[in-house]
Amino acid sequence: MKISKNRYLQVFCFVVVVLGIIRAAVPRLGMSVDERRVADSIQWVADSVKWVADSIQHREDSLQAVRDSLENAFRLKVEAEQAAQEEREKAAREAAEKREKEAEKLRKEAEKHGKTAAGGQEASTAGVGLAKPSRFFNADGTPARHRIVSVRSYSEAFPDAQDVQIVAANKWGVSPVMNRAEAEGRKSELVYVGSNPYYFIEPLYWSIPYLVPRAAVLLQDIGSNFLDSLQVKGLPACKIIITSVMRTKEEVERMRRYNGNATENSCHMYGTTVDIAYNRFLRVEENDQPYSKQNTVADVRLKQVLSEVLDDLRRQGRCWVKYEVKQGCFHLTVR
């Protein structure tokens, strides 16, 4: 049987297309034994890497779920304790109001029947408590307990990033100093800040304890307001811990060698900015001991109270605040 030229070309093209489809669908058919071994090794490594990545992600998701569950459980516990405390305070107020009404009734009866001055004095004494209730004490004289309100979301309440804070730093700050010796020679512009009754500055390795006076006053107000808030909320007295203050040019350059994310034009260089830890607080009753991690306490309630203080000052226009997740601190600049 004689095959024409056109028919031969058609059959040849068809065979080439079929072979190409088979090669694309099953690439191993065209490989040698060594190539197949290499391909199998590469595929095994890729599958192993994917399995490890999936395992790590699953572990992170599990840990985050556990953290969220613990925080929610603790929040529910705190809310339940606060609700119980409010019920006790409500009962105390109702009892005090009842005593006030009875005292007022006795006073009116004494006036109506013309009792003696002694009797009137006795009735008025029984009526003590008609004055406006104190913020720190209930009507029956027991210490008043305030609820922990916190903020709805730390990231939403404190979103002030570098571009916002650097404007305030340039407005209120000093020109950056080269090193600590230069900072000590500029005491007309900077003030030394050290640990005091309102806050604690942990050992500084990447900054120096100097601020502009406006920022030093803000820092002291934060520490004072935090201690006051702890008292009215019935929590143990603790100091805030300052982890970073003013940075010199030399320290910023040194940081950038080890941390590629470090900002070259950091707000810390202007003496207007501090970092306040939110996951560590110093117990006041242990201040006479050398500072160590054993002297600190981690309590989500303390973080919530600190957020209330900072949110209040931020709303007053006294500072910008950024919630730093990885560094575990509130990064704030005076306004």
C-alpha atoms as a PDB file:
ATOM      1  CA  MET A   1       0.000   0.000   0.000  1.00  0.00           C
ATOM      2  CA  LYS A   2       1.486   3.303  -1.050  1.00  0.00           C
ATOM      3  CA  ILE A   3       1.321   6.209   1.476  1.00  0.00           C
ATOM      4  CA  SER A   4       1.163   9.714   0.110  1.00  0.00           C
ATOM      5  CA  LYS A   5       3.414  12.452   1.379  1.00  0.00           C
ATOM      6  CA  ASN A   6       0.567  14.399   3.007  1.00  0.00           C
ATOM      7  CA  ARG A   7      -0.746  11.315   4.766  1.00  0.00           C
ATOM      8  CA  TYR A   8       2.763  10.571   6.118  1.00  0.00           C
ATOM      9  CA  LEU A   9       3.086  14.104   7.514  1.00  0.00           C
ATOM     10  CA  GLN A  10      -0.326  13.861   9.127  1.00  0.00           C
ATOM     11  CA  VAL A  11       0.524  10.572  10.837  1.00  0.00           C
ATOM     12  CA  PHE A  12       3.921  11.894  11.941  1.00  0.00           C
ATOM     13  CA  CYS A  13       2.429  15.059  13.498  1.00  0.00           C
ATOM     14  CA  PHE A  14      -0.239  12.990  15.234  1.00  0.00           C
ATOM     15  CA  VAL A  15       2.371  10.662  16.744  1.00  0.00           C
ATOM     16  CA  VAL A  16       4.479  13.644  17.928  1.00  0.00           C
ATOM     17  CA  VAL A  17       1.470  15.286  19.593  1.00  0.00           C
ATOM     18  CA  VAL A  18       0.473  12.028  21.321  1.00  0.00           C
ATOM     19  CA  LEU A  19       4.016  11.486  22.597  1.00  0.00           C
ATOM     20  CA  GLY A  20       4.150  15.093  23.850  1.00  0.00           C
ATOM     21  CA  ILE A  21       0.910  14.660  25.762  1.00  0.00           C
ATOM     22  CA  ILE A  22       2.174  11.416  27.304  1.00  0.00           C
ATOM     23  CA  ARG A  23       5.481  13.083  28.296  1.00  0.00           C
ATOM     24  CA  ALA A  24       3.650  16.027  29.901  1.00  0.00           C
ATOM     25  CA  ALA A  25       1.262  13.736  31.760  1.00  0.00           C
ATOM     26  CA  VAL A  26       3.916  11.259  32.889  1.00  0.00           C
ATOM     27  CA  PRO A  27       7.271  13.114  32.895  1.00  0.00           C
ATOM     28  CA  ARG A  28       9.100  10.204  34.533  1.00  0.00           C
ATOM     29  CA  LEU A  29       8.825   8.083  31.362  1.00  0.00           C
ATOM     30  CA  GLY A  30      11.520  10.081  29.638  1.00  0.00           C
ATOM     31  CA  MET A  31      13.924  10.142  32.599  1.00  0.00           C
ATOM     32  CA  SER A  32      16.902   7.943  33.212  1.00  0.00           C
ATOM     33  CA  VAL A  33      17.250   5.976  36.459  1.00  0.00           C
ATOM     34  CA  ASP A  34      19.543   8.620  37.999  1.00  0.00           C
ATOM     35  CA  GLU A  35      17.223  11.444  36.988  1.00  0.00           C
ATOM     36  CA  ARG A  36      14.311   9.594  38.576  1.00  0.00           C
ATOM     37  CA  ARG A  37      16.249   9.199  41.830  1.00  0.00           C
ATOM     38  CA  VAL A  38      17.118  12.912  41.896  1.00  0.00           C
ATOM     39  CA  ALA A  39      13.502  13.836  41.145  1.00  0.00           C
ATOM     40  CA  ASP A  40      12.286  11.514  43.909  1.00  0.00           C
ATOM     41  CA  SER A  41      14.774  13.065  46.373  1.00  0.00           C
ATOM     42  CA  ILE A  42      13.718  16.593  45.495  1.00  0.00           C
ATOM     43  CA  GLN A  43      10.056  15.692  45.833  1.00  0.00           C
ATOM     44  CA  TRP A  44      10.711  14.016  49.201  1.00  0.00           C
ATOM     45  CA  VAL A  45      12.553  17.107  50.489  1.00  0.00           C
ATOM     46  CA  ALA A  46       9.742  19.382  49.273  1.00  0.00           C
ATOM     47  CA  ASP A  47       7.116  17.181  50.931  1.00  0.00           C
ATOM     48  CA  SER A  48       9.153  17.151  54.171  1.00  0.00           C
ATOM     49  CA  VAL A  49       9.530  20.916  54.193  1.00  0.00           C
ATOM     50  CA  LYS A  50       5.807  21.355  53.587  1.00  0.00           C
ATOM     51  CA  TRP A  51       5.008  18.906  56.390  1.00  0.00           C
ATOM     52  CA  VAL A  52       7.301  20.749  58.815  1.00  0.00           C
ATOM     53  CA  ALA A  53       5.788  24.119  57.833  1.00  0.00           C
ATOM     54  CA  ASP A  54       2.271  22.754  58.291  1.00  0.00           C
ATOM     55  CA  SER A  55       3.249  21.305  61.685  1.00  0.00           C
ATOM     56  CA  ILE A  56       4.723  24.619  62.843  1.00  0.00           C
ATOM     57  CA  GLN A  57       1.654  26.529  61.671  1.00  0.00           C
ATOM     58  CA  HIS A  58      -0.642  24.042  63.379  1.00  0.00           C
ATOM     59  CA  ARG A  59       1.342  24.363  66.608  1.00  0.00           C
ATOM     60  CA  GLU A  60       1.219  28.169  66.447  1.00  0.00           C
ATOM     61  CA  ASP A  61      -2.519  28.074  65.813  1.00  0.00           C
ATOM     62  CA  SER A  62      -2.986  25.726  68.759  1.00  0.00           C
ATOM     63  CA  LEU A  63      -0.885  27.909  71.072  1.00  0.00           C
ATOM     64  CA  GLN A  64      -2.771  31.021  69.997  1.00  0.00           C
ATOM     65  CA  ALA A  65      -6.075  29.269  70.603  1.00  0.00           C
ATOM     66  CA  VAL A  66      -4.905  28.250  74.090  1.00  0.00           C
ATOM     67  CA  ARG A  67      -3.747  31.814  74.857  1.00  0.00           C
ATOM     68  CA  ASP A  68      -7.056  33.244  73.654  1.00  0.00           C
ATOM     69  CA  SER A  69      -8.995  30.709  75.741  1.00  0.00           C
ATOM     70  CA  LEU A  70      -6.972  31.482  78.869  1.00  0.00           C
ATOM     71  CA  GLU A  71      -7.344  35.226  78.398  1.00  0.00           C
ATOM     72  CA  ASN A  72     -11.090  34.905  77.813  1.00  0.00           C
ATOM     73  CA  ALA A  73     -11.457  32.682  80.876  1.00  0.00           C
ATOM     74  CA  PHE A  74      -9.489  35.143  82.992  1.00  0.00           C
ATOM     75  CA  ARG A  75     -11.537  38.053  81.659  1.00  0.00           C
ATOM     76  CA  LEU A  76     -14.758  36.236  82.527  1.00  0.00           C
ATOM     77  CA  LYS A  77     -13.416  35.561  86.011  1.00  0.00           C
ATOM     78  CA  VAL A  78     -12.499  39.218  86.500  1.00  0.00           C
ATOM     79  CA  GLU A  79     -15.905  40.341  85.239  1.00  0.00           C
ATOM     80  CA  ALA A  80     -17.636  37.901  87.604  1.00  0.00           C
ATOM     81  CA  GLU A  81     -15.591  39.199  90.555  1.00  0.00           C
ATOM     82  CA  GLN A  82     -16.371  42.780  89.574  1.00  0.00           C
ATOM     83  CA  ALA A  83     -20.087  41.990  89.258  1.00  0.00           C
ATOM     84  CA  ALA A  84     -20.069  40.386  92.713  1.00  0.00           C
ATOM     85  CA  GLN A  85     -18.224  43.395  94.140  1.00  0.00           C
ATOM     86  CA  GLU A  86     -20.783  45.736  92.554  1.00  0.00           C
ATOM     87  CA  GLU A  87     -23.603  43.743  94.115  1.00  0.00           C
ATOM     88  CA  ARG A  88     -21.960  44.048  97.538  1.00  0.00           C
ATOM     89  CA  GLU A  89     -21.444  47.784  97.038  1.00  0.00           C
ATOM     90  CA  LYS A  90     -25.051  48.170  95.895  1.00  0.00           C
ATOM     91  CA  ALA A  91     -26.281  46.375  99.009  1.00  0.00           C
ATOM     92  CA  ALA A  92     -24.038  48.601 101.174  1.00  0.00           C
ATOM     93  CA  ARG A  93     -25.392  51.742  99.479  1.00  0.00           C
ATOM     94  CA  GLU A  94     -28.985  50.608  99.959  1.00  0.00           C
ATOM     95  CA  ALA A  95     -28.305  49.912 103.638  1.00  0.00           C
ATOM     96  CA  ALA A  96     -26.687  53.344 104.036  1.00  0.00           C
ATOM     97  CA  GLU A  97     -29.630  55.046 102.309  1.00  0.00           C
ATOM     98  CA  LYS A  98     -32.015  53.203 104.594  1.00  0.00           C
ATOM     99  CA  ARG A  99     -30.081  54.408 107.667  1.00  0.00           C
ATOM    100  CA  GLU A 100     -30.085  57.954 106.292  1.00  0.00           C
ATOM    101  CA  LYS A 101     -33.858  57.874 105.810  1.00  0.00           C
ATOM    102  CA  GLU A 102     -34.365  56.577 109.322  1.00  0.00           C
ATOM    103  CA  ALA A 103     -32.068  59.273 110.715  1.00  0.00           C
ATOM    104  CA  GLU A 104     -33.916  61.949 108.753  1.00  0.00           C
ATOM    105  CA  LYS A 105     -37.222  60.623 110.078  1.00  0.00           C
ATOM    106  CA  LEU A 106     -35.910  60.777 113.651  1.00  0.00           C
ATOM    107  CA  ARG A 107     -34.658  64.333 113.119  1.00  0.00           C
ATOM    108  CA  LYS A 108     -38.007  65.493 111.806  1.00  0.00           C
ATOM    109  CA  GLU A 109     -39.842  63.827 114.690  1.00  0.00           C
ATOM    110  CA  ALA A 110     -37.439  65.496 117.136  1.00  0.00           C
ATOM    111  CA  GLU A 111     -38.107  68.908 115.608  1.00  0.00           C
ATOM    112  CA  LYS A 112     -41.859  68.260 115.598  1.00  0.00           C
ATOM    113  CA  HIS A 113     -42.058  67.302 119.248  1.00  0.00           C
ATOM    114  CA  GLY A 114     -39.594  69.945 120.413  1.00  0.00           C
ATOM    115  CA  LYS A 115     -36.932  67.632 121.747  1.00  0.00           C
ATOM    116  CA  THR A 116     -33.993  69.024 123.631  1.00  0.00           C
ATOM    117  CA  ALA A 117     -30.800  70.204 121.944  1.00  0.00           C
ATOM    118  CA  ALA A 118     -29.103  67.042 123.067  1.00  0.00           C
ATOM    119  CA  GLY A 119     -31.749  64.973 121.381  1.00  0.00           C
ATOM    120  CA  GLY A 120     -31.456  67.078 118.231  1.00  0.00           C
ATOM    121  CA  GLN A 121     -27.703  66.707 118.279  1.00  0.00           C
ATOM    122  CA  GLU A 122     -28.094  62.962 118.676  1.00  0.00           C
ATOM    123  CA  ALA A 123     -30.439  62.792 115.706  1.00  0.00           C
ATOM    124  CA  SER A 124     -28.144  64.915 113.544  1.00  0.00           C
ATOM    125  CA  THR A 125     -25.259  62.685 114.504  1.00  0.00           C
ATOM    126  CA  ALA A 126     -27.269  59.690 113.381  1.00  0.00           C
ATOM    127  CA  GLY A 127     -27.857  61.484 110.091  1.00  0.00           C
ATOM    128  CA  VAL A 128     -24.162  61.779 109.211  1.00  0.00           C
ATOM    129  CA  GLY A 129     -23.596  60.407 105.772  1.00  0.00           C
ATOM    130  CA  LEU A 130     -25.933  62.749 103.871  1.00  0.00           C
ATOM    131  CA  ALA A 131     -22.888  64.293 102.234  1.00  0.00           C
ATOM    132  CA  LYS A 132     -21.856  63.382  98.679  1.00  0.00           C
ATOM    133  CA  PRO A 133     -20.220  59.912  98.594  1.00  0.00           C
ATOM    134  CA  SER A 134     -16.435  59.833  98.311  1.00  0.00           C
ATOM    135  CA  ARG A 135     -14.722  58.469  95.225  1.00  0.00           C
ATOM    136  CA  PHE A 136     -12.530  56.299  97.401  1.00  0.00           C
ATOM    137  CA  PHE A 137     -15.050  55.160 100.033  1.00  0.00           C
ATOM    138  CA  ASN A 138     -18.620  53.914 100.062  1.00  0.00           C
ATOM    139  CA  ALA A 139     -21.344  55.490 102.197  1.00  0.00           C
ATOM    140  CA  ASP A 140     -20.750  52.908 104.938  1.00  0.00           C
ATOM    141  CA  GLY A 141     -17.036  53.753 105.087  1.00  0.00           C
ATOM    142  CA  THR A 142     -15.771  50.660 103.272  1.00  0.00           C
ATOM    143  CA  PRO A 143     -13.180  51.218 100.494  1.00  0.00           C
ATOM    144  CA  ALA A 144     -14.832  51.749  97.105  1.00  0.00           C
ATOM    145  CA  ARG A 145     -13.804  49.373  94.329  1.00  0.00           C
ATOM    146  CA  HIS A 146     -13.859  50.579  90.729  1.00  0.00           C
ATOM    147  CA  ARG A 147     -14.274  48.306  87.722  1.00  0.00           C
ATOM    148  CA  ILE A 148     -11.437  47.573  85.299  1.00  0.00           C
ATOM    149  CA  VAL A 149     -12.667  48.960  81.988  1.00  0.00           C
ATOM    150  CA  SER A 150      -9.529  48.664  79.801  1.00  0.00           C
ATOM    151  CA  VAL A 151      -9.828  49.425  76.061  1.00  0.00           C
ATOM    152  CA  ARG A 152     -11.720  47.461  73.433  1.00  0.00           C
ATOM    153  CA  SER A 153      -8.596  46.710  71.384  1.00  0.00           C
ATOM    154  CA  TYR A 154      -5.005  47.676  72.178  1.00  0.00           C
ATOM    155  CA  SER A 155      -4.058  48.012  68.501  1.00  0.00           C
ATOM    156  CA  GLU A 156      -7.078  50.192  67.719  1.00  0.00           C
ATOM    157  CA  ALA A 157      -6.754  52.337  70.859  1.00  0.00           C
ATOM    158  CA  PHE A 158      -2.999  52.931  70.365  1.00  0.00           C
ATOM    159  CA  PRO A 159      -2.289  53.104  66.606  1.00  0.00           C
ATOM    160  CA  ASP A 160       0.157  56.045  66.593  1.00  0.00           C
ATOM    161  CA  ALA A 161       3.058  54.910  64.411  1.00  0.00           C
ATOM    162  CA  GLN A 162       6.454  56.475  63.627  1.00  0.00           C
ATOM    163  CA  ASP A 163       5.088  58.979  61.097  1.00  0.00           C
ATOM    164  CA  VAL A 164       2.805  60.482  63.762  1.00  0.00           C
ATOM    165  CA  GLN A 165       5.195  60.398  66.711  1.00  0.00           C
ATOM    166  CA  ILE A 166       8.188  61.821  64.831  1.00  0.00           C
ATOM    167  CA  VAL A 167       6.280  65.080  64.272  1.00  0.00           C
ATOM    168  CA  ALA A 168       5.799  65.540  68.027  1.00  0.00           C
ATOM    169  CA  ALA A 169       9.411  64.470  68.657  1.00  0.00           C
ATOM    170  CA  ASN A 170      10.705  67.171  66.308  1.00  0.00           C
ATOM    171  CA  LYS A 171       8.418  69.753  67.905  1.00  0.00           C
ATOM    172  CA  TRP A 172       9.226  69.121  71.585  1.00  0.00           C
ATOM    173  CA  GLY A 173      12.556  67.308  71.427  1.00  0.00           C
ATOM    174  CA  VAL A 174      16.204  68.295  71.304  1.00  0.00           C
ATOM    175  CA  SER A 175      18.648  67.747  68.480  1.00  0.00           C
ATOM    176  CA  PRO A 176      20.052  64.171  68.656  1.00  0.00           C
ATOM    177  CA  VAL A 177      23.189  63.679  70.751  1.00  0.00           C
ATOM    178  CA  MET A 178      26.187  61.636  69.674  1.00  0.00           C
ATOM    179  CA  ASN A 179      26.843  59.841  72.987  1.00  0.00           C
ATOM    180  CA  ARG A 180      26.164  59.935  76.721  1.00  0.00           C
ATOM    181  CA  ALA A 181      28.958  62.417  77.395  1.00  0.00           C
ATOM    182  CA  GLU A 182      27.297  64.943  75.086  1.00  0.00           C
ATOM    183  CA  ALA A 183      23.916  64.344  76.773  1.00  0.00           C
ATOM    184  CA  GLU A 184      25.424  65.043  80.201  1.00  0.00           C
ATOM    185  CA  GLY A 185      26.763  68.340  78.841  1.00  0.00           C
ATOM    186  CA  ARG A 186      23.307  69.489  77.728  1.00  0.00           C
ATOM    187  CA  LYS A 187      21.576  69.642  81.110  1.00  0.00           C
ATOM    188  CA  SER A 188      19.884  72.905  80.156  1.00  0.00           C
ATOM    189  CA  GLU A 189      17.795  70.918  77.652  1.00  0.00           C
ATOM    190  CA  LEU A 190      17.628  67.451  79.229  1.00  0.00           C
ATOM    191  CA  VAL A 191      16.847  66.123  82.697  1.00  0.00           C
ATOM    192  CA  TYR A 192      18.072  62.893  84.254  1.00  0.00           C
ATOM    193  CA  VAL A 193      15.323  60.366  85.006  1.00  0.00           C
ATOM    194  CA  GLY A 194      15.941  57.553  87.442  1.00  0.00           C
ATOM    195  CA  SER A 195      13.868  55.041  89.343  1.00  0.00           C
ATOM    196  CA  ASN A 196      11.556  56.762  91.851  1.00  0.00           C
ATOM    197  CA  PRO A 197       8.342  56.035  93.813  1.00  0.00           C
ATOM    198  CA  TYR A 198       6.241  56.177  90.638  1.00  0.00           C
ATOM    199  CA  TYR A 199       8.144  54.048  88.110  1.00  0.00           C
ATOM    200  CA  PHE A 200      11.200  51.812  87.712  1.00  0.00           C
ATOM    201  CA  ILE A 201      13.818  52.080  84.963  1.00  0.00           C
ATOM    202  CA  GLU A 202      15.405  48.713  84.340  1.00  0.00           C
ATOM    203  CA  PRO A 203      19.122  48.489  83.427  1.00  0.00           C
ATOM    204  CA  LEU A 204      19.550  50.262  80.080  1.00  0.00           C
ATOM    205  CA  TYR A 205      21.784  48.755  77.383  1.00  0.00           C
ATOM    206  CA  TRP A 206      20.480  50.551  74.305  1.00  0.00           C
ATOM    207  CA  SER A 207      19.536  53.951  75.727  1.00  0.00           C
ATOM    208  CA  ILE A 208      20.418  56.534  78.384  1.00  0.00           C
ATOM    209  CA  PRO A 209      18.164  57.912  81.204  1.00  0.00           C
ATOM    210  CA  TYR A 210      17.569  61.428  79.869  1.00  0.00           C
ATOM    211  CA  LEU A 211      14.371  63.166  78.708  1.00  0.00           C
ATOM    212  CA  VAL A 212      13.152  66.649  77.925  1.00  0.00           C
ATOM    213  CA  PRO A 213      11.335  68.129  80.963  1.00  0.00           C
ATOM    214  CA  ARG A 214       7.929  67.845  79.276  1.00  0.00           C
ATOM    215  CA  ALA A 215       8.370  64.093  78.756  1.00  0.00           C
ATOM    216  CA  ALA A 216       9.747  63.597  82.289  1.00  0.00           C
ATOM    217  CA  VAL A 217       6.597  65.193  83.763  1.00  0.00           C
ATOM    218  CA  LEU A 218       4.395  62.985  81.565  1.00  0.00           C
ATOM    219  CA  LEU A 219       6.249  59.865  82.689  1.00  0.00           C
ATOM    220  CA  GLN A 220       5.816  60.754  86.354  1.00  0.00           C
ATOM    221  CA  ASP A 221       2.101  61.421  85.822  1.00  0.00           C
ATOM    222  CA  ILE A 222       1.687  58.028  84.147  1.00  0.00           C
ATOM    223  CA  GLY A 223       3.324  56.256  87.084  1.00  0.00           C
ATOM    224  CA  SER A 224       1.319  58.236  89.661  1.00  0.00           C
ATOM    225  CA  ASN A 225      -2.007  57.721  87.867  1.00  0.00           C
ATOM    226  CA  PHE A 226      -1.276  54.005  87.489  1.00  0.00           C
ATOM    227  CA  LEU A 227      -0.681  53.565  91.240  1.00  0.00           C
ATOM    228  CA  ASP A 228      -3.855  55.550  92.047  1.00  0.00           C
ATOM    229  CA  SER A 229      -5.856  53.380  89.654  1.00  0.00           C
ATOM    230  CA  LEU A 230      -4.544  50.199  91.236  1.00  0.00           C
ATOM    231  CA  GLN A 231      -5.616  51.464  94.668  1.00  0.00           C
ATOM    232  CA  VAL A 232      -9.204  52.304  93.699  1.00  0.00           C
ATOM    233  CA  LYS A 233      -9.538  49.000  91.822  1.00  0.00           C
ATOM    234  CA  GLY A 234      -8.312  46.968  94.778  1.00  0.00           C
ATOM    235  CA  LEU A 235      -5.180  45.616  93.065  1.00  0.00           C
ATOM    236  CA  PRO A 236      -1.716  45.204  94.664  1.00  0.00           C
ATOM    237  CA  ALA A 237       0.593  48.199  94.281  1.00  0.00           C
ATOM    238  CA  CYS A 238       3.041  47.779  91.390  1.00  0.00           C
ATOM    239  CA  LYS A 239       5.287  50.131  89.451  1.00  0.00           C
ATOM    240  CA  ILE A 240       5.476  50.410  85.697  1.00  0.00           C
ATOM    241  CA  ILE A 241       8.816  49.345  84.182  1.00  0.00           C
ATOM    242  CA  ILE A 242      10.578  51.606  81.676  1.00  0.00           C
ATOM    243  CA  THR A 243      12.587  49.559  79.165  1.00  0.00           C
ATOM    244  CA  SER A 244      13.952  52.276  76.860  1.00  0.00           C
ATOM    245  CA  VAL A 245      14.469  56.041  77.125  1.00  0.00           C
ATOM    246  CA  MET A 246      16.711  58.329  75.033  1.00  0.00           C
ATOM    247  CA  ARG A 247      19.004  56.822  72.394  1.00  0.00           C
ATOM    248  CA  THR A 248      22.195  58.408  71.113  1.00  0.00           C
ATOM    249  CA  LYS A 249      23.345  58.332  67.497  1.00  0.00           C
ATOM    250  CA  GLU A 250      25.994  55.771  68.420  1.00  0.00           C
ATOM    251  CA  GLU A 251      23.389  53.467  69.997  1.00  0.00           C
ATOM    252  CA  VAL A 252      21.042  53.762  67.013  1.00  0.00           C
ATOM    253  CA  GLU A 253      23.876  52.865  64.633  1.00  0.00           C
ATOM    254  CA  ARG A 254      24.831  49.922  66.856  1.00  0.00           C
ATOM    255  CA  MET A 255      21.211  48.723  66.960  1.00  0.00           C
ATOM    256  CA  ARG A 256      20.912  48.861  63.172  1.00  0.00           C
ATOM    257  CA  ARG A 257      23.832  46.460  62.851  1.00  0.00           C
ATOM    258  CA  TYR A 258      21.918  43.806  64.801  1.00  0.00           C
ATOM    259  CA  ASN A 259      18.357  44.739  63.891  1.00  0.00           C
ATOM    260  CA  GLY A 260      17.580  45.596  60.287  1.00  0.00           C
ATOM    261  CA  ASN A 261      14.120  46.873  61.324  1.00  0.00           C
ATOM    262  CA  ALA A 262      15.550  49.525  63.650  1.00  0.00           C
ATOM    263  CA  THR A 263      14.541  53.028  62.597  1.00  0.00           C
ATOM    264  CA  GLU A 264      17.403  55.334  61.651  1.00  0.00           C
ATOM    265  CA  ASN A 265      15.453  58.478  62.611  1.00  0.00           C
ATOM    266  CA  SER A 266      14.078  57.037  65.867  1.00  0.00           C
ATOM    267  CA  CYS A 267      11.844  59.183  68.087  1.00  0.00           C
ATOM    268  CA  HIS A 268      13.995  58.032  71.019  1.00  0.00           C
ATOM    269  CA  MET A 269      16.832  60.238  69.727  1.00  0.00           C
ATOM    270  CA  TYR A 270      14.949  63.424  70.647  1.00  0.00           C
ATOM    271  CA  GLY A 271      14.411  62.773  74.367  1.00  0.00           C
ATOM    272  CA  THR A 272      10.634  62.743  73.975  1.00  0.00           C
ATOM    273  CA  THR A 273       9.929  59.025  73.857  1.00  0.00           C
ATOM    274  CA  VAL A 274       9.886  56.065  76.261  1.00  0.00           C
ATOM    275  CA  ASP A 275       8.915  52.400  76.120  1.00  0.00           C
ATOM    276  CA  ILE A 276       6.756  51.056  78.973  1.00  0.00           C
ATOM    277  CA  ALA A 277       6.500  47.280  79.403  1.00  0.00           C
ATOM    278  CA  TYR A 278       2.952  45.932  79.561  1.00  0.00           C
ATOM    279  CA  ASN A 279       3.799  42.319  80.422  1.00  0.00           C
ATOM    280  CA  ARG A 280       6.010  42.996  83.468  1.00  0.00           C
ATOM    281  CA  PHE A 281       5.403  45.152  86.558  1.00  0.00           C
ATOM    282  CA  LEU A 282       7.553  45.624  89.669  1.00  0.00           C
ATOM    283  CA  ARG A 283       6.063  44.706  93.045  1.00  0.00           C
ATOM    284  CA  VAL A 284       6.287  47.743  95.314  1.00  0.00           C
ATOM    285  CA  GLU A 285       6.755  45.743  98.505  1.00  0.00           C
ATOM    286  CA  GLU A 286       9.886  44.140  97.050  1.00  0.00           C
ATOM    287  CA  ASN A 287      11.641  47.349  95.983  1.00  0.00           C
ATOM    288  CA  ASP A 288      14.251  46.898  98.705  1.00  0.00           C
ATOM    289  CA  GLN A 289      15.537  43.782  96.925  1.00  0.00           C
ATOM    290  CA  PRO A 290      17.909  43.811  93.922  1.00  0.00           C
ATOM    291  CA  TYR A 291      15.963  43.979  90.687  1.00  0.00           C
ATOM    292  CA  SER A 292      15.395  40.643  88.986  1.00  0.00           C
ATOM    293  CA  LYS A 293      12.685  38.909  86.989  1.00  0.00           C
ATOM    294  CA  GLN A 294      11.591  37.173  90.203  1.00  0.00           C
ATOM    295  CA  ASN A 295      10.590  40.582  91.589  1.00  0.00           C
ATOM    296  CA  THR A 296       8.249  41.267  88.688  1.00  0.00           C
ATOM    297  CA  VAL A 297       4.675  40.173  88.165  1.00  0.00           C
ATOM    298  CA  ALA A 298       2.750  39.500  84.937  1.00  0.00           C
ATOM    299  CA  ASP A 299      -0.978  40.109  85.295  1.00  0.00           C
ATOM    300  CA  VAL A 300      -3.391  40.926  82.472  1.00  0.00           C
ATOM    301  CA  ARG A 301      -5.350  43.134  84.886  1.00  0.00           C
ATOM    302  CA  LEU A 302      -2.314  45.379  85.364  1.00  0.00           C
ATOM    303  CA  LYS A 303      -1.982  45.682  81.595  1.00  0.00           C
ATOM    304  CA  GLN A 304      -5.650  46.646  81.360  1.00  0.00           C
ATOM    305  CA  VAL A 305      -5.297  49.303  84.075  1.00  0.00           C
ATOM    306  CA  LEU A 306      -2.197  50.728  82.367  1.00  0.00           C
ATOM    307  CA  SER A 307      -4.118  50.894  79.081  1.00  0.00           C
ATOM    308  CA  GLU A 308      -6.857  52.899  80.841  1.00  0.00           C
ATOM    309  CA  VAL A 309      -4.276  55.390  82.143  1.00  0.00           C
ATOM    310  CA  LEU A 310      -2.568  55.793  78.751  1.00  0.00           C
ATOM    311  CA  ASP A 311      -5.874  56.033  76.889  1.00  0.00           C
ATOM    312  CA  ASP A 312      -7.018  58.795  79.254  1.00  0.00           C
ATOM    313  CA  LEU A 313      -3.785  60.791  78.778  1.00  0.00           C
ATOM    314  CA  ARG A 314      -3.883  60.257  75.027  1.00  0.00           C
ATOM    315  CA  ARG A 315      -7.466  61.574  74.878  1.00  0.00           C
ATOM    316  CA  GLN A 316      -6.294  64.610  76.855  1.00  0.00           C
ATOM    317  CA  GLY A 317      -3.786  65.301  74.070  1.00  0.00           C
ATOM    318  CA  ARG A 318      -0.686  64.680  76.174  1.00  0.00           C
ATOM    319  CA  CYS A 319       0.904  61.799  74.260  1.00  0.00           C
ATOM    320  CA  TRP A 320       0.912  59.570  71.200  1.00  0.00           C
ATOM    321  CA  VAL A 321       0.963  55.812  71.908  1.00  0.00           C
ATOM    322  CA  LYS A 322       1.811  52.771  69.758  1.00  0.00           C
ATOM    323  CA  TYR A 323       1.014  49.244  70.942  1.00  0.00           C
ATOM    324  CA  GLU A 324       4.124  47.171  70.159  1.00  0.00           C
ATOM    325  CA  VAL A 325       3.258  43.464  69.920  1.00  0.00           C
ATOM    326  CA  LYS A 326       6.710  41.935  69.412  1.00  0.00           C
ATOM    327  CA  GLN A 327       8.555  44.223  71.851  1.00  0.00           C
ATOM    328  CA  GLY A 328       5.931  43.817  74.591  1.00  0.00           C
ATOM    329  CA  CYS A 329       5.684  47.541  75.342  1.00  0.00           C
ATOM    330  CA  PHE A 330       3.729  50.737  74.834  1.00  0.00           C
ATOM    331  CA  HIS A 331       5.878  53.075  72.709  1.00  0.00           C
ATOM    332  CA  LEU A 332       4.827  56.646  73.517  1.00  0.00           C
ATOM    333  CA  THR A 333       5.921  60.196  72.686  1.00  0.00           C
ATOM    334  CA  VAL A 334       4.983  63.371  74.536  1.00  0.00           C
ATOM    335  CA  ARG A 335       2.703  65.886  72.769  1.00  0.00           C
END
